[in-house]
Amino acid sequence: AMGWYRQAPGKQRELVGTIRTGGSINYADFVKGRFTIS
């Protein structure tokens, strides 16, 4: 499983999304419809 995280200045690191071995993908609500993991 591979993931993307991000950390803005002064903020905690947060999950952007993950892609699992089977290919299923989950996104954080704040990026849905804008970001795509492949």
Full PDB file with SEQRES, HELIX, SHEET, SSBOND, CRYST1, ORIGX, SCALE, CONECT and MASTER records, all heavy atoms in Angstrom:
SEQRES   1 A   38  ALA MET GLY TRP TYR ARG GLN ALA PRO GLY LYS GLN ARG          
SEQRES   2 A   38  GLU LEU VAL GLY THR ILE ARG THR GLY GLY SER ILE ASN          
SEQRES   3 A   38  TYR ALA ASP PHE VAL LYS GLY ARG PHE THR ILE SER              
HELIX    1 AA1 ASP A   29  VAL A   31  5                                   3    
SHEET    1 AA1 3 MET A   2  ARG A   6  0                                        
SHEET    2 AA1 3 GLU A  14  ILE A  19 -1                                        
SHEET    3 AA1 3 ILE A  25  TYR A  27 -1                                        
CRYST1    1.000    1.000    1.000  90.00  90.00  90.00 P 1           1          
ORIGX1      1.000000  0.000000  0.000000        0.00000                         
ORIGX2      0.000000  1.000000  0.000000        0.00000                         
ORIGX3      0.000000  0.000000  1.000000        0.00000                         
SCALE1      1.000000  0.000000  0.000000        0.00000                         
SCALE2      0.000000  1.000000  0.000000        0.00000                         
SCALE3      0.000000  0.000000  1.000000        0.00000                         
ATOM      1  N   ALA A   1       0.855  -1.173   0.000  1.00  0.00           N  
ATOM      2  CA  ALA A   1       0.000   0.000   0.000  1.00  0.00           C  
ATOM      3  C   ALA A   1       0.898   1.232   0.000  1.00  0.00           C  
ATOM      4  O   ALA A   1       1.868   1.308   0.757  1.00  0.00           O  
ATOM      5  CB  ALA A   1      -0.904   0.008   1.220  1.00  0.00           C  
ATOM      6  N   MET A   2       0.570   2.176  -0.853  1.00  0.00           N  
ATOM      7  CA  MET A   2       1.338   3.407  -0.963  1.00  0.00           C  
ATOM      8  C   MET A   2       0.437   4.585  -0.620  1.00  0.00           C  
ATOM      9  O   MET A   2      -0.775   4.559  -0.887  1.00  0.00           O  
ATOM     10  CB  MET A   2       1.866   3.587  -2.390  1.00  0.00           C  
ATOM     11  CG  MET A   2       2.722   2.427  -2.886  1.00  0.00           C  
ATOM     12  SD  MET A   2       4.274   2.245  -2.007  1.00  0.00           S  
ATOM     13  CE  MET A   2       5.108   3.754  -2.488  1.00  0.00           C  
ATOM     14  N   GLY A   3       1.028   5.606  -0.048  1.00  0.00           N  
ATOM     15  CA  GLY A   3       0.230   6.753   0.351  1.00  0.00           C  
ATOM     16  C   GLY A   3       0.897   8.077   0.047  1.00  0.00           C  
ATOM     17  O   GLY A   3       2.088   8.132  -0.244  1.00  0.00           O  
ATOM     18  N   TRP A   4       0.100   9.110   0.095  1.00  0.00           N  
ATOM     19  CA  TRP A   4       0.579  10.489   0.014  1.00  0.00           C  
ATOM     20  C   TRP A   4       0.086  11.234   1.249  1.00  0.00           C  
ATOM     21  O   TRP A   4      -1.092  11.152   1.597  1.00  0.00           O  
ATOM     22  CB  TRP A   4       0.064  11.191  -1.240  1.00  0.00           C  
ATOM     23  CG  TRP A   4       0.720  10.753  -2.514  1.00  0.00           C  
ATOM     24  CD1 TRP A   4       0.250   9.833  -3.409  1.00  0.00           C  
ATOM     25  CD2 TRP A   4       1.961  11.219  -3.040  1.00  0.00           C  
ATOM     26  NE1 TRP A   4       1.131   9.687  -4.452  1.00  0.00           N  
ATOM     27  CE2 TRP A   4       2.186  10.545  -4.262  1.00  0.00           C  
ATOM     28  CE3 TRP A   4       2.907  12.152  -2.616  1.00  0.00           C  
ATOM     29  CZ2 TRP A   4       3.313  10.776  -5.047  1.00  0.00           C  
ATOM     30  CZ3 TRP A   4       4.030  12.371  -3.395  1.00  0.00           C  
ATOM     31  CH2 TRP A   4       4.226  11.687  -4.588  1.00  0.00           C  
ATOM     32  N   TYR A   5       1.007  11.930   1.875  1.00  0.00           N  
ATOM     33  CA  TYR A   5       0.719  12.784   3.020  1.00  0.00           C  
ATOM     34  C   TYR A   5       1.207  14.188   2.690  1.00  0.00           C  
ATOM     35  O   TYR A   5       2.004  14.384   1.777  1.00  0.00           O  
ATOM     36  CB  TYR A   5       1.440  12.286   4.278  1.00  0.00           C  
ATOM     37  CG  TYR A   5       0.860  11.044   4.897  1.00  0.00           C  
ATOM     38  CD1 TYR A   5       1.036   9.805   4.314  1.00  0.00           C  
ATOM     39  CD2 TYR A   5       0.128  11.118   6.087  1.00  0.00           C  
ATOM     40  CE1 TYR A   5       0.507   8.661   4.879  1.00  0.00           C  
ATOM     41  CE2 TYR A   5      -0.400   9.973   6.674  1.00  0.00           C  
ATOM     42  CZ  TYR A   5      -0.202   8.752   6.061  1.00  0.00           C  
ATOM     43  OH  TYR A   5      -0.734   7.628   6.629  1.00  0.00           O  
ATOM     44  N   ARG A   6       0.757  15.139   3.489  1.00  0.00           N  
ATOM     45  CA  ARG A   6       1.279  16.488   3.353  1.00  0.00           C  
ATOM     46  C   ARG A   6       1.372  17.160   4.708  1.00  0.00           C  
ATOM     47  O   ARG A   6       0.659  16.804   5.640  1.00  0.00           O  
ATOM     48  CB  ARG A   6       0.414  17.312   2.401  1.00  0.00           C  
ATOM     49  CG  ARG A   6      -0.951  17.688   2.939  1.00  0.00           C  
ATOM     50  CD  ARG A   6      -1.740  18.432   1.869  1.00  0.00           C  
ATOM     51  NE  ARG A   6      -2.984  18.993   2.397  1.00  0.00           N  
ATOM     52  CZ  ARG A   6      -3.880  19.623   1.665  1.00  0.00           C  
ATOM     53  NH1 ARG A   6      -3.694  19.789   0.355  1.00  0.00           N  
ATOM     54  NH2 ARG A   6      -4.972  20.105   2.222  1.00  0.00           N  
ATOM     55  N   GLN A   7       2.266  18.138   4.780  1.00  0.00           N  
ATOM     56  CA  GLN A   7       2.413  18.913   6.009  1.00  0.00           C  
ATOM     57  C   GLN A   7       2.623  20.366   5.649  1.00  0.00           C  
ATOM     58  O   GLN A   7       3.613  20.722   4.992  1.00  0.00           O  
ATOM     59  CB  GLN A   7       3.576  18.407   6.856  1.00  0.00           C  
ATOM     60  CG  GLN A   7       3.664  19.083   8.214  1.00  0.00           C  
ATOM     61  CD  GLN A   7       4.614  18.375   9.159  1.00  0.00           C  
ATOM     62  OE1 GLN A   7       5.486  17.627   8.741  1.00  0.00           O  
ATOM     63  NE2 GLN A   7       4.422  18.600  10.451  1.00  0.00           N  
ATOM     64  N   ALA A   8       1.668  21.175   6.065  1.00  0.00           N  
ATOM     65  CA  ALA A   8       1.748  22.620   5.855  1.00  0.00           C  
ATOM     66  C   ALA A   8       2.487  23.263   7.020  1.00  0.00           C  
ATOM     67  O   ALA A   8       2.526  22.703   8.124  1.00  0.00           O  
ATOM     68  CB  ALA A   8       0.341  23.194   5.729  1.00  0.00           C  
ATOM     69  N   PRO A   9       3.060  24.436   6.811  1.00  0.00           N  
ATOM     70  CA  PRO A   9       3.781  25.112   7.898  1.00  0.00           C  
ATOM     71  C   PRO A   9       2.910  25.305   9.131  1.00  0.00           C  
ATOM     72  O   PRO A   9       1.778  25.799   9.025  1.00  0.00           O  
ATOM     73  CB  PRO A   9       4.154  26.462   7.268  1.00  0.00           C  
ATOM     74  CG  PRO A   9       4.183  26.204   5.809  1.00  0.00           C  
ATOM     75  CD  PRO A   9       3.111  25.182   5.551  1.00  0.00           C  
ATOM     76  N   GLY A  10       3.424  24.891  10.262  1.00  0.00           N  
ATOM     77  CA  GLY A  10       2.709  25.070  11.508  1.00  0.00           C  
ATOM     78  C   GLY A  10       1.554  24.117  11.740  1.00  0.00           C  
ATOM     79  O   GLY A  10       0.807  24.269  12.726  1.00  0.00           O  
ATOM     80  N   LYS A  11       1.396  23.142  10.845  1.00  0.00           N  
ATOM     81  CA  LYS A  11       0.281  22.197  10.979  1.00  0.00           C  
ATOM     82  C   LYS A  11       0.800  20.767  11.069  1.00  0.00           C  
ATOM     83  O   LYS A  11       1.932  20.477  10.702  1.00  0.00           O  
ATOM     84  CB  LYS A  11      -0.667  22.335   9.794  1.00  0.00           C  
ATOM     85  CG  LYS A  11      -1.381  23.669   9.722  1.00  0.00           C  
ATOM     86  CD  LYS A  11      -2.442  23.666   8.639  1.00  0.00           C  
ATOM     87  CE  LYS A  11      -3.206  24.971   8.613  1.00  0.00           C  
ATOM     88  NZ  LYS A  11      -4.278  24.971   7.575  1.00  0.00           N  
ATOM     89  N   GLN A  12      -0.070  19.897  11.529  1.00  0.00           N  
ATOM     90  CA  GLN A  12       0.287  18.487  11.614  1.00  0.00           C  
ATOM     91  C   GLN A  12       0.247  17.848  10.227  1.00  0.00           C  
ATOM     92  O   GLN A  12      -0.484  18.292   9.339  1.00  0.00           O  
ATOM     93  CB  GLN A  12      -0.677  17.751  12.546  1.00  0.00           C  
ATOM     94  CG  GLN A  12      -0.489  18.094  14.017  1.00  0.00           C  
ATOM     95  CD  GLN A  12      -1.303  17.182  14.922  1.00  0.00           C  
ATOM     96  OE1 GLN A  12      -2.360  16.698  14.547  1.00  0.00           O  
ATOM     97  NE2 GLN A  12      -0.800  16.937  16.115  1.00  0.00           N  
ATOM     98  N   ARG A  13       1.023  16.796  10.094  1.00  0.00           N  
ATOM     99  CA  ARG A  13       1.015  16.042   8.857  1.00  0.00           C  
ATOM    100  C   ARG A  13      -0.350  15.374   8.692  1.00  0.00           C  
ATOM    101  O   ARG A  13      -0.913  14.857   9.655  1.00  0.00           O  
ATOM    102  CB  ARG A  13       2.130  14.997   8.886  1.00  0.00           C  
ATOM    103  CG  ARG A  13       2.458  14.379   7.565  1.00  0.00           C  
ATOM    104  CD  ARG A  13       3.720  13.546   7.672  1.00  0.00           C  
ATOM    105  NE  ARG A  13       4.900  14.379   7.913  1.00  0.00           N  
ATOM    106  CZ  ARG A  13       6.140  13.898   7.952  1.00  0.00           C  
ATOM    107  NH1 ARG A  13       6.351  12.602   7.776  1.00  0.00           N  
ATOM    108  NH2 ARG A  13       7.150  14.703   8.175  1.00  0.00           N  
ATOM    109  N   GLU A  14      -0.874  15.373   7.459  1.00  0.00           N  
ATOM    110  CA  GLU A  14      -2.190  14.792   7.229  1.00  0.00           C  
ATOM    111  C   GLU A  14      -2.176  13.898   5.998  1.00  0.00           C  
ATOM    112  O   GLU A  14      -1.405  14.124   5.049  1.00  0.00           O  
ATOM    113  CB  GLU A  14      -3.252  15.888   7.063  1.00  0.00           C  
ATOM    114  CG  GLU A  14      -3.008  16.856   5.933  1.00  0.00           C  
ATOM    115  CD  GLU A  14      -4.033  17.988   5.892  1.00  0.00           C  
ATOM    116  OE1 GLU A  14      -4.981  18.007   6.708  1.00  0.00           O  
ATOM    117  OE2 GLU A  14      -3.882  18.864   5.012  1.00  0.00           O  
ATOM    118  N   LEU A  15      -3.051  12.920   6.019  1.00  0.00           N  
ATOM    119  CA  LEU A  15      -3.156  11.978   4.920  1.00  0.00           C  
ATOM    120  C   LEU A  15      -3.892  12.616   3.745  1.00  0.00           C  
ATOM    121  O   LEU A  15      -4.949  13.211   3.919  1.00  0.00           O  
ATOM    122  CB  LEU A  15      -3.905  10.715   5.373  1.00  0.00           C  
ATOM    123  CG  LEU A  15      -4.189   9.668   4.310  1.00  0.00           C  
ATOM    124  CD1 LEU A  15      -2.902   9.040   3.810  1.00  0.00           C  
ATOM    125  CD2 LEU A  15      -5.134   8.600   4.863  1.00  0.00           C  
ATOM    126  N   VAL A  16      -3.317  12.469   2.554  1.00  0.00           N  
ATOM    127  CA  VAL A  16      -3.981  12.925   1.337  1.00  0.00           C  
ATOM    128  C   VAL A  16      -4.770  11.773   0.714  1.00  0.00           C  
ATOM    129  O   VAL A  16      -5.922  11.931   0.327  1.00  0.00           O  
ATOM    130  CB  VAL A  16      -2.953  13.464   0.328  1.00  0.00           C  
ATOM    131  CG1 VAL A  16      -3.625  13.792  -0.996  1.00  0.00           C  
ATOM    132  CG2 VAL A  16      -2.243  14.686   0.900  1.00  0.00           C  
ATOM    133  N   GLY A  17      -4.141  10.615   0.631  1.00  0.00           N  
ATOM    134  CA  GLY A  17      -4.822   9.452   0.070  1.00  0.00           C  
ATOM    135  C   GLY A  17      -3.908   8.252   0.011  1.00  0.00           C  
ATOM    136  O   GLY A  17      -2.691   8.379   0.192  1.00  0.00           O  
ATOM    137  N   THR A  18      -4.499   7.092  -0.232  1.00  0.00           N  
ATOM    138  CA  THR A  18      -3.744   5.853  -0.304  1.00  0.00           C  
ATOM    139  C   THR A  18      -4.224   5.009  -1.475  1.00  0.00           C  
ATOM    140  O   THR A  18      -5.387   5.086  -1.874  1.00  0.00           O  
ATOM    141  CB  THR A  18      -3.871   5.017   0.976  1.00  0.00           C  
ATOM    142  OG1 THR A  18      -5.255   4.713   1.190  1.00  0.00           O  
ATOM    143  CG2 THR A  18      -3.333   5.752   2.177  1.00  0.00           C  
ATOM    144  N   ILE A  19      -3.307   4.214  -2.008  1.00  0.00           N  
ATOM    145  CA  ILE A  19      -3.653   3.218  -3.025  1.00  0.00           C  
ATOM    146  C   ILE A  19      -3.179   1.874  -2.506  1.00  0.00           C  
ATOM    147  O   ILE A  19      -2.012   1.695  -2.148  1.00  0.00           O  
ATOM    148  CB  ILE A  19      -3.048   3.562  -4.398  1.00  0.00           C  
ATOM    149  CG1 ILE A  19      -3.417   2.488  -5.424  1.00  0.00           C  
ATOM    150  CG2 ILE A  19      -1.540   3.784  -4.328  1.00  0.00           C  
ATOM    151  CD1 ILE A  19      -3.126   2.908  -6.865  1.00  0.00           C  
ATOM    152  N   ARG A  20      -4.100   0.917  -2.434  1.00  0.00           N  
ATOM    153  CA  ARG A  20      -3.790  -0.374  -1.872  1.00  0.00           C  
ATOM    154  C   ARG A  20      -3.270  -1.330  -2.941  1.00  0.00           C  
ATOM    155  O   ARG A  20      -3.312  -1.025  -4.135  1.00  0.00           O  
ATOM    156  CB  ARG A  20      -5.030  -0.938  -1.178  1.00  0.00           C  
ATOM    157  CG  ARG A  20      -5.414  -0.120   0.059  1.00  0.00           C  
ATOM    158  CD  ARG A  20      -6.637  -0.651   0.756  1.00  0.00           C  
ATOM    159  NE  ARG A  20      -6.894   0.063   2.010  1.00  0.00           N  
ATOM    160  CZ  ARG A  20      -7.448   1.250   2.092  1.00  0.00           C  
ATOM    161  NH1 ARG A  20      -7.813   1.872   1.010  1.00  0.00           N  
ATOM    162  NH2 ARG A  20      -7.640   1.810   3.268  1.00  0.00           N  
ATOM    163  N   THR A  21      -2.810  -2.482  -2.505  1.00  0.00           N  
ATOM    164  CA  THR A  21      -2.224  -3.425  -3.444  1.00  0.00           C  
ATOM    165  C   THR A  21      -3.218  -3.863  -4.511  1.00  0.00           C  
ATOM    166  O   THR A  21      -2.844  -4.078  -5.664  1.00  0.00           O  
ATOM    167  CB  THR A  21      -1.695  -4.661  -2.708  1.00  0.00           C  
ATOM    168  OG1 THR A  21      -2.743  -5.213  -1.907  1.00  0.00           O  
ATOM    169  CG2 THR A  21      -0.536  -4.277  -1.786  1.00  0.00           C  
ATOM    170  N   GLY A  22      -4.485  -3.960  -4.155  1.00  0.00           N  
ATOM    171  CA  GLY A  22      -5.503  -4.365  -5.125  1.00  0.00           C  
ATOM    172  C   GLY A  22      -5.931  -3.252  -6.049  1.00  0.00           C  
ATOM    173  O   GLY A  22      -6.706  -3.487  -6.994  1.00  0.00           O  
ATOM    174  N   GLY A  23      -5.445  -2.048  -5.784  1.00  0.00           N  
ATOM    175  CA  GLY A  23      -5.761  -0.908  -6.639  1.00  0.00           C  
ATOM    176  C   GLY A  23      -6.831   0.011  -6.094  1.00  0.00           C  
ATOM    177  O   GLY A  23      -7.105   1.060  -6.693  1.00  0.00           O  
ATOM    178  N   SER A  24      -7.462  -0.356  -4.986  1.00  0.00           N  
ATOM    179  CA  SER A  24      -8.477   0.543  -4.425  1.00  0.00           C  
ATOM    180  C   SER A  24      -7.798   1.794  -3.864  1.00  0.00           C  
ATOM    181  O   SER A  24      -6.672   1.724  -3.361  1.00  0.00           O  
ATOM    182  CB  SER A  24      -9.268  -0.163  -3.331  1.00  0.00           C  
ATOM    183  OG  SER A  24      -8.434  -0.537  -2.260  1.00  0.00           O  
ATOM    184  N   ILE A  25      -8.493   2.910  -3.978  1.00  0.00           N  
ATOM    185  CA  ILE A  25      -7.922   4.205  -3.600  1.00  0.00           C  
ATOM    186  C   ILE A  25      -8.879   4.930  -2.663  1.00  0.00           C  
ATOM    187  O   ILE A  25     -10.097   4.914  -2.877  1.00  0.00           O  
ATOM    188  CB  ILE A  25      -7.665   5.075  -4.842  1.00  0.00           C  
ATOM    189  CG1 ILE A  25      -6.727   4.345  -5.814  1.00  0.00           C  
ATOM    190  CG2 ILE A  25      -7.053   6.417  -4.438  1.00  0.00           C  
ATOM    191  CD1 ILE A  25      -6.565   5.041  -7.144  1.00  0.00           C  
ATOM    192  N   ASN A  26      -8.314   5.556  -1.642  1.00  0.00           N  
ATOM    193  CA  ASN A  26      -9.087   6.397  -0.732  1.00  0.00           C  
ATOM    194  C   ASN A  26      -8.480   7.789  -0.697  1.00  0.00           C  
ATOM    195  O   ASN A  26      -7.262   7.934  -0.762  1.00  0.00           O  
ATOM    196  CB  ASN A  26      -9.082   5.799   0.678  1.00  0.00           C  
ATOM    197  CG  ASN A  26      -9.805   4.472   0.741  1.00  0.00           C  
ATOM    198  OD1 ASN A  26      -9.183   3.424   0.673  1.00  0.00           O  
ATOM    199  ND2 ASN A  26     -11.117   4.530   0.823  1.00  0.00           N  
ATOM    200  N   TYR A  27      -9.331   8.782  -0.576  1.00  0.00           N  
ATOM    201  CA  TYR A  27      -8.887  10.169  -0.528  1.00  0.00           C  
ATOM    202  C   TYR A  27      -9.432  10.857   0.708  1.00  0.00           C  
ATOM    203  O   TYR A  27     -10.532  10.560   1.177  1.00  0.00           O  
ATOM    204  CB  TYR A  27      -9.384  10.942  -1.753  1.00  0.00           C  
ATOM    205  CG  TYR A  27      -8.860  10.439  -3.073  1.00  0.00           C  
ATOM    206  CD1 TYR A  27      -9.631   9.597  -3.861  1.00  0.00           C  
ATOM    207  CD2 TYR A  27      -7.600  10.810  -3.531  1.00  0.00           C  
ATOM    208  CE1 TYR A  27      -9.165   9.133  -5.079  1.00  0.00           C  
ATOM    209  CE2 TYR A  27      -7.125  10.353  -4.751  1.00  0.00           C  
ATOM    210  CZ  TYR A  27      -7.907   9.525  -5.510  1.00  0.00           C  
ATOM    211  OH  TYR A  27      -7.439   9.076  -6.723  1.00  0.00           O  
ATOM    212  N   ALA A  28      -8.662  11.824   1.190  1.00  0.00           N  
ATOM    213  CA  ALA A  28      -9.176  12.707   2.223  1.00  0.00           C  
ATOM    214  C   ALA A  28     -10.272  13.574   1.620  1.00  0.00           C  
ATOM    215  O   ALA A  28     -10.245  13.903   0.434  1.00  0.00           O  
ATOM    216  CB  ALA A  28      -8.054  13.585   2.768  1.00  0.00           C  
ATOM    217  N   ASP A  29     -11.222  13.958   2.448  1.00  0.00           N  
ATOM    218  CA  ASP A  29     -12.350  14.743   1.941  1.00  0.00           C  
ATOM    219  C   ASP A  29     -11.903  16.047   1.288  1.00  0.00           C  
ATOM    220  O   ASP A  29     -12.525  16.503   0.320  1.00  0.00           O  
ATOM    221  CB  ASP A  29     -13.324  15.048   3.082  1.00  0.00           C  
ATOM    222  CG  ASP A  29     -14.116  13.820   3.499  1.00  0.00           C  
ATOM    223  OD1 ASP A  29     -14.164  12.844   2.714  1.00  0.00           O  
ATOM    224  OD2 ASP A  29     -14.691  13.831   4.604  1.00  0.00           O  
ATOM    225  N   PHE A  30     -10.838  16.639   1.783  1.00  0.00           N  
ATOM    226  CA  PHE A  30     -10.447  17.953   1.291  1.00  0.00           C  
ATOM    227  C   PHE A  30      -9.830  17.914  -0.110  1.00  0.00           C  
ATOM    228  O   PHE A  30      -9.599  18.963  -0.711  1.00  0.00           O  
ATOM    229  CB  PHE A  30      -9.501  18.653   2.269  1.00  0.00           C  
ATOM    230  CG  PHE A  30      -8.251  17.895   2.601  1.00  0.00           C  
ATOM    231  CD1 PHE A  30      -7.171  17.861   1.734  1.00  0.00           C  
ATOM    232  CD2 PHE A  30      -8.158  17.196   3.792  1.00  0.00           C  
ATOM    233  CE1 PHE A  30      -6.016  17.169   2.037  1.00  0.00           C  
ATOM    234  CE2 PHE A  30      -7.005  16.488   4.120  1.00  0.00           C  
ATOM    235  CZ  PHE A  30      -5.933  16.473   3.233  1.00  0.00           C  
ATOM    236  N   VAL A  31      -9.541  16.718  -0.654  1.00  0.00           N  
ATOM    237  CA  VAL A  31      -8.977  16.642  -2.000  1.00  0.00           C  
ATOM    238  C   VAL A  31      -9.874  15.894  -2.979  1.00  0.00           C  
ATOM    239  O   VAL A  31      -9.555  15.811  -4.169  1.00  0.00           O  
ATOM    240  CB  VAL A  31      -7.582  15.994  -2.008  1.00  0.00           C  
ATOM    241  CG1 VAL A  31      -6.625  16.786  -1.134  1.00  0.00           C  
ATOM    242  CG2 VAL A  31      -7.632  14.533  -1.600  1.00  0.00           C  
ATOM    243  N   LYS A  32     -10.980  15.365  -2.508  1.00  0.00           N  
ATOM    244  CA  LYS A  32     -11.857  14.598  -3.398  1.00  0.00           C  
ATOM    245  C   LYS A  32     -12.328  15.446  -4.575  1.00  0.00           C  
ATOM    246  O   LYS A  32     -12.758  16.570  -4.416  1.00  0.00           O  
ATOM    247  CB  LYS A  32     -13.053  14.069  -2.613  1.00  0.00           C  
ATOM    248  CG  LYS A  32     -12.735  12.849  -1.758  1.00  0.00           C  
ATOM    249  CD  LYS A  32     -13.970  12.333  -1.048  1.00  0.00           C  
ATOM    250  CE  LYS A  32     -13.636  11.102  -0.210  1.00  0.00           C  
ATOM    251  NZ  LYS A  32     -14.816  10.611   0.540  1.00  0.00           N  
ATOM    252  N   GLY A  33     -12.195  14.848  -5.756  1.00  0.00           N  
ATOM    253  CA  GLY A  33     -12.601  15.540  -6.974  1.00  0.00           C  
ATOM    254  C   GLY A  33     -11.524  16.428  -7.567  1.00  0.00           C  
ATOM    255  O   GLY A  33     -11.665  16.891  -8.698  1.00  0.00           O  
ATOM    256  N   ARG A  34     -10.441  16.653  -6.821  1.00  0.00           N  
ATOM    257  CA  ARG A  34      -9.361  17.508  -7.320  1.00  0.00           C  
ATOM    258  C   ARG A  34      -8.064  16.732  -7.516  1.00  0.00           C  
ATOM    259  O   ARG A  34      -7.315  17.018  -8.446  1.00  0.00           O  
ATOM    260  CB  ARG A  34      -9.106  18.671  -6.360  1.00  0.00           C  
ATOM    261  CG  ARG A  34     -10.299  19.567  -6.148  1.00  0.00           C  
ATOM    262  CD  ARG A  34      -9.914  20.832  -5.380  1.00  0.00           C  
ATOM    263  NE  ARG A  34      -9.384  20.520  -4.051  1.00  0.00           N  
ATOM    264  CZ  ARG A  34      -8.195  20.927  -3.592  1.00  0.00           C  
ATOM    265  NH1 ARG A  34      -7.403  21.652  -4.366  1.00  0.00           N  
ATOM    266  NH2 ARG A  34      -7.797  20.626  -2.362  1.00  0.00           N  
ATOM    267  N   PHE A  35      -7.788  15.790  -6.634  1.00  0.00           N  
ATOM    268  CA  PHE A  35      -6.538  15.034  -6.686  1.00  0.00           C  
ATOM    269  C   PHE A  35      -6.820  13.593  -7.119  1.00  0.00           C  
ATOM    270  O   PHE A  35      -7.872  13.035  -6.781  1.00  0.00           O  
ATOM    271  CB  PHE A  35      -5.870  14.995  -5.315  1.00  0.00           C  
ATOM    272  CG  PHE A  35      -5.317  16.310  -4.831  1.00  0.00           C  
ATOM    273  CD1 PHE A  35      -5.570  17.494  -5.490  1.00  0.00           C  
ATOM    274  CD2 PHE A  35      -4.524  16.337  -3.696  1.00  0.00           C  
ATOM    275  CE1 PHE A  35      -5.057  18.694  -5.028  1.00  0.00           C  
ATOM    276  CE2 PHE A  35      -4.005  17.528  -3.218  1.00  0.00           C  
ATOM    277  CZ  PHE A  35      -4.271  18.706  -3.877  1.00  0.00           C  
ATOM    278  N   THR A  36      -5.864  13.012  -7.832  1.00  0.00           N  
ATOM    279  CA  THR A  36      -5.986  11.626  -8.283  1.00  0.00           C  
ATOM    280  C   THR A  36      -4.676  10.893  -8.038  1.00  0.00           C  
ATOM    281  O   THR A  36      -3.612  11.374  -8.433  1.00  0.00           O  
ATOM    282  CB  THR A  36      -6.330  11.558  -9.776  1.00  0.00           C  
ATOM    283  OG1 THR A  36      -7.537  12.284 -10.031  1.00  0.00           O  
ATOM    284  CG2 THR A  36      -6.523  10.106 -10.211  1.00  0.00           C  
ATOM    285  N   ILE A  37      -4.785   9.750  -7.384  1.00  0.00           N  
ATOM    286  CA  ILE A  37      -3.619   8.886  -7.156  1.00  0.00           C  
ATOM    287  C   ILE A  37      -3.655   7.754  -8.170  1.00  0.00           C  
ATOM    288  O   ILE A  37      -4.708   7.173  -8.436  1.00  0.00           O  
ATOM    289  CB  ILE A  37      -3.635   8.318  -5.729  1.00  0.00           C  
ATOM    290  CG1 ILE A  37      -3.470   9.445  -4.700  1.00  0.00           C  
ATOM    291  CG2 ILE A  37      -2.535   7.284  -5.552  1.00  0.00           C  
ATOM    292  CD1 ILE A  37      -3.639   8.988  -3.260  1.00  0.00           C  
ATOM    293  N   SER A  38      -2.481   7.455  -8.727  1.00  0.00           N  
ATOM    294  CA  SER A  38      -2.373   6.333  -9.657  1.00  0.00           C  
ATOM    295  C   SER A  38      -1.023   5.660  -9.461  1.00  0.00           C  
ATOM    296  O   SER A  38      -0.130   6.203  -8.786  1.00  0.00           O  
ATOM    297  CB  SER A  38      -2.541   6.804 -11.098  1.00  0.00           C  
ATOM    298  OG  SER A  38      -1.537   7.737 -11.450  1.00  0.00           O  
TER     299      SER A  38                                                      
MASTER        0    0    0    1    3    0    0    6  298    1    0    3          
END                                                                             
